[in-house]
Amino acid sequence: MLVRHHHLRLDPSTRGRMNDSKSYAASQPRGEVMIGGTVDDVVERNSPHSLRATR
């Protein structure tokens, strides 16, 4: 599947997790996947199954 991303949303608290300072949340390790929301278009797909939007 080929997807074109138009927008990536990261929670504001993510900024504080991107460094090693003391925080209520654990720091985000460098090179690890960050959780966020996206707005995308499916450009190409190889599956005959229909696509549904998720929220």
N, C-alpha and C. Protein backbone atom coordinates (compact mmCIF):
# COMPACT_ATOMS: atom_id res chain seq x y z
N MET A 1 0.84 -1.15 0.00
CA MET A 1 0.00 0.00 0.00
C MET A 1 0.90 1.24 0.00
N LEU A 2 0.59 2.17 -0.85
CA LEU A 2 1.31 3.43 -0.91
C LEU A 2 0.40 4.52 -0.35
N VAL A 3 0.88 5.22 0.68
CA VAL A 3 0.08 6.23 1.36
C VAL A 3 0.82 7.56 1.33
N ARG A 4 0.09 8.63 1.02
CA ARG A 4 0.67 9.99 1.05
C ARG A 4 0.16 10.67 2.33
N HIS A 5 1.09 11.04 3.19
CA HIS A 5 0.73 11.71 4.45
C HIS A 5 0.66 13.21 4.22
N HIS A 6 -0.43 13.82 4.70
CA HIS A 6 -0.62 15.26 4.56
C HIS A 6 -0.39 16.00 5.87
N HIS A 7 -0.69 15.33 6.96
CA HIS A 7 -0.62 16.01 8.26
C HIS A 7 -0.27 14.99 9.34
N LEU A 8 0.62 15.36 10.24
CA LEU A 8 0.98 14.53 11.40
C LEU A 8 0.69 15.31 12.66
N ARG A 9 -0.09 14.73 13.55
CA ARG A 9 -0.42 15.38 14.82
C ARG A 9 0.28 14.65 15.94
N LEU A 10 1.05 15.40 16.72
CA LEU A 10 1.67 14.86 17.93
C LEU A 10 1.07 15.60 19.12
N ASP A 11 0.84 14.89 20.19
CA ASP A 11 0.32 15.49 21.41
C ASP A 11 1.35 16.48 21.95
N PRO A 12 0.91 17.64 22.48
CA PRO A 12 1.87 18.61 23.02
C PRO A 12 2.80 18.03 24.09
N SER A 13 2.34 17.05 24.82
CA SER A 13 3.20 16.46 25.86
C SER A 13 4.39 15.71 25.27
N THR A 14 4.33 15.40 23.99
CA THR A 14 5.42 14.69 23.33
C THR A 14 6.71 15.50 23.36
N ARG A 15 6.58 16.82 23.28
CA ARG A 15 7.77 17.69 23.29
C ARG A 15 8.60 17.46 24.56
N GLY A 16 7.93 17.36 25.70
CA GLY A 16 8.64 17.12 26.95
C GLY A 16 9.28 15.75 27.04
N ARG A 17 8.76 14.80 26.29
CA ARG A 17 9.30 13.45 26.32
C ARG A 17 10.49 13.28 25.37
N MET A 18 10.78 14.30 24.56
CA MET A 18 11.86 14.20 23.58
C MET A 18 13.22 14.56 24.16
N ASN A 19 13.30 14.86 25.45
CA ASN A 19 14.60 15.10 26.08
C ASN A 19 14.68 14.30 27.37
N ASP A 20 15.80 14.32 28.02
CA ASP A 20 16.02 13.49 29.20
C ASP A 20 15.71 14.20 30.52
N SER A 21 15.02 15.34 30.47
CA SER A 21 14.72 16.06 31.71
C SER A 21 13.68 15.30 32.53
N LYS A 22 13.63 15.59 33.82
CA LYS A 22 12.69 14.92 34.72
C LYS A 22 11.26 15.31 34.34
N SER A 23 10.39 14.32 34.26
CA SER A 23 9.01 14.54 33.83
C SER A 23 8.12 13.46 34.44
N TYR A 24 6.81 13.68 34.37
CA TYR A 24 5.86 12.68 34.84
C TYR A 24 5.81 11.47 33.90
N ALA A 25 6.27 11.66 32.67
CA ALA A 25 6.25 10.58 31.68
C ALA A 25 7.68 10.19 31.32
N ALA A 26 7.86 8.96 30.95
CA ALA A 26 9.19 8.47 30.55
C ALA A 26 9.64 9.15 29.26
N SER A 27 10.94 9.35 29.12
CA SER A 27 11.49 9.94 27.91
C SER A 27 11.30 9.00 26.72
N GLN A 28 11.16 9.59 25.56
CA GLN A 28 11.02 8.82 24.32
C GLN A 28 12.41 8.43 23.85
N PRO A 29 12.73 7.13 23.79
CA PRO A 29 14.06 6.73 23.32
C PRO A 29 14.29 7.14 21.86
N ARG A 30 15.48 7.60 21.57
CA ARG A 30 15.83 8.01 20.21
C ARG A 30 15.73 6.81 19.27
N GLY A 31 15.12 7.01 18.12
CA GLY A 31 14.99 5.95 17.13
C GLY A 31 13.76 5.08 17.30
N GLU A 32 12.97 5.31 18.34
CA GLU A 32 11.75 4.53 18.57
C GLU A 32 10.55 5.19 17.87
N VAL A 33 9.50 4.43 17.67
CA VAL A 33 8.29 4.91 17.02
C VAL A 33 7.55 5.87 17.95
N MET A 34 7.10 7.00 17.41
CA MET A 34 6.31 7.96 18.17
C MET A 34 4.85 7.80 17.76
N ILE A 35 3.98 7.86 18.74
CA ILE A 35 2.55 7.70 18.49
C ILE A 35 1.95 9.06 18.14
N GLY A 36 1.13 9.10 17.09
CA GLY A 36 0.46 10.32 16.68
C GLY A 36 -0.66 9.99 15.72
N GLY A 37 -1.36 11.01 15.29
CA GLY A 37 -2.44 10.84 14.33
C GLY A 37 -2.03 11.42 12.98
N THR A 38 -2.59 10.89 11.90
CA THR A 38 -2.26 11.38 10.57
C THR A 38 -3.51 11.58 9.73
N VAL A 39 -3.37 12.41 8.71
CA VAL A 39 -4.37 12.57 7.66
C VAL A 39 -3.67 12.13 6.38
N ASP A 40 -4.24 11.14 5.72
CA ASP A 40 -3.57 10.49 4.60
C ASP A 40 -4.49 10.30 3.41
N ASP A 41 -3.88 10.06 2.26
CA ASP A 41 -4.57 9.57 1.07
C ASP A 41 -3.93 8.26 0.67
N VAL A 42 -4.74 7.26 0.36
CA VAL A 42 -4.20 6.01 -0.17
C VAL A 42 -4.00 6.22 -1.66
N VAL A 43 -2.76 6.16 -2.10
CA VAL A 43 -2.42 6.40 -3.50
C VAL A 43 -2.55 5.12 -4.31
N GLU A 44 -2.11 4.02 -3.71
CA GLU A 44 -2.13 2.75 -4.42
C GLU A 44 -2.28 1.62 -3.41
N ARG A 45 -3.05 0.61 -3.76
CA ARG A 45 -3.18 -0.55 -2.87
C ARG A 45 -3.29 -1.81 -3.71
N ASN A 46 -2.89 -2.93 -3.12
CA ASN A 46 -2.90 -4.21 -3.82
C ASN A 46 -3.96 -5.15 -3.29
N SER A 47 -4.78 -4.69 -2.36
CA SER A 47 -5.78 -5.55 -1.74
C SER A 47 -7.16 -5.29 -2.35
N PRO A 48 -7.94 -6.33 -2.60
CA PRO A 48 -9.29 -6.13 -3.12
C PRO A 48 -10.30 -5.71 -2.03
N HIS A 49 -9.88 -5.73 -0.77
CA HIS A 49 -10.78 -5.39 0.33
C HIS A 49 -11.00 -3.88 0.39
N SER A 50 -12.17 -3.48 0.84
CA SER A 50 -12.46 -2.05 0.94
C SER A 50 -11.73 -1.43 2.12
N LEU A 51 -11.51 -0.15 2.05
CA LEU A 51 -10.85 0.59 3.13
C LEU A 51 -11.90 1.36 3.91
N ARG A 52 -11.70 1.45 5.23
CA ARG A 52 -12.59 2.26 6.04
C ARG A 52 -11.76 3.23 6.86
N ALA A 53 -12.35 4.37 7.13
CA ALA A 53 -11.68 5.36 7.96
C ALA A 53 -11.77 4.92 9.42
N THR A 54 -10.71 5.16 10.17
CA THR A 54 -10.72 4.87 11.60
C THR A 54 -10.49 6.15 12.37
N ARG A 55 -11.01 6.19 13.56
CA ARG A 55 -10.83 7.39 14.39
C ARG A 55 -10.30 7.01 15.73
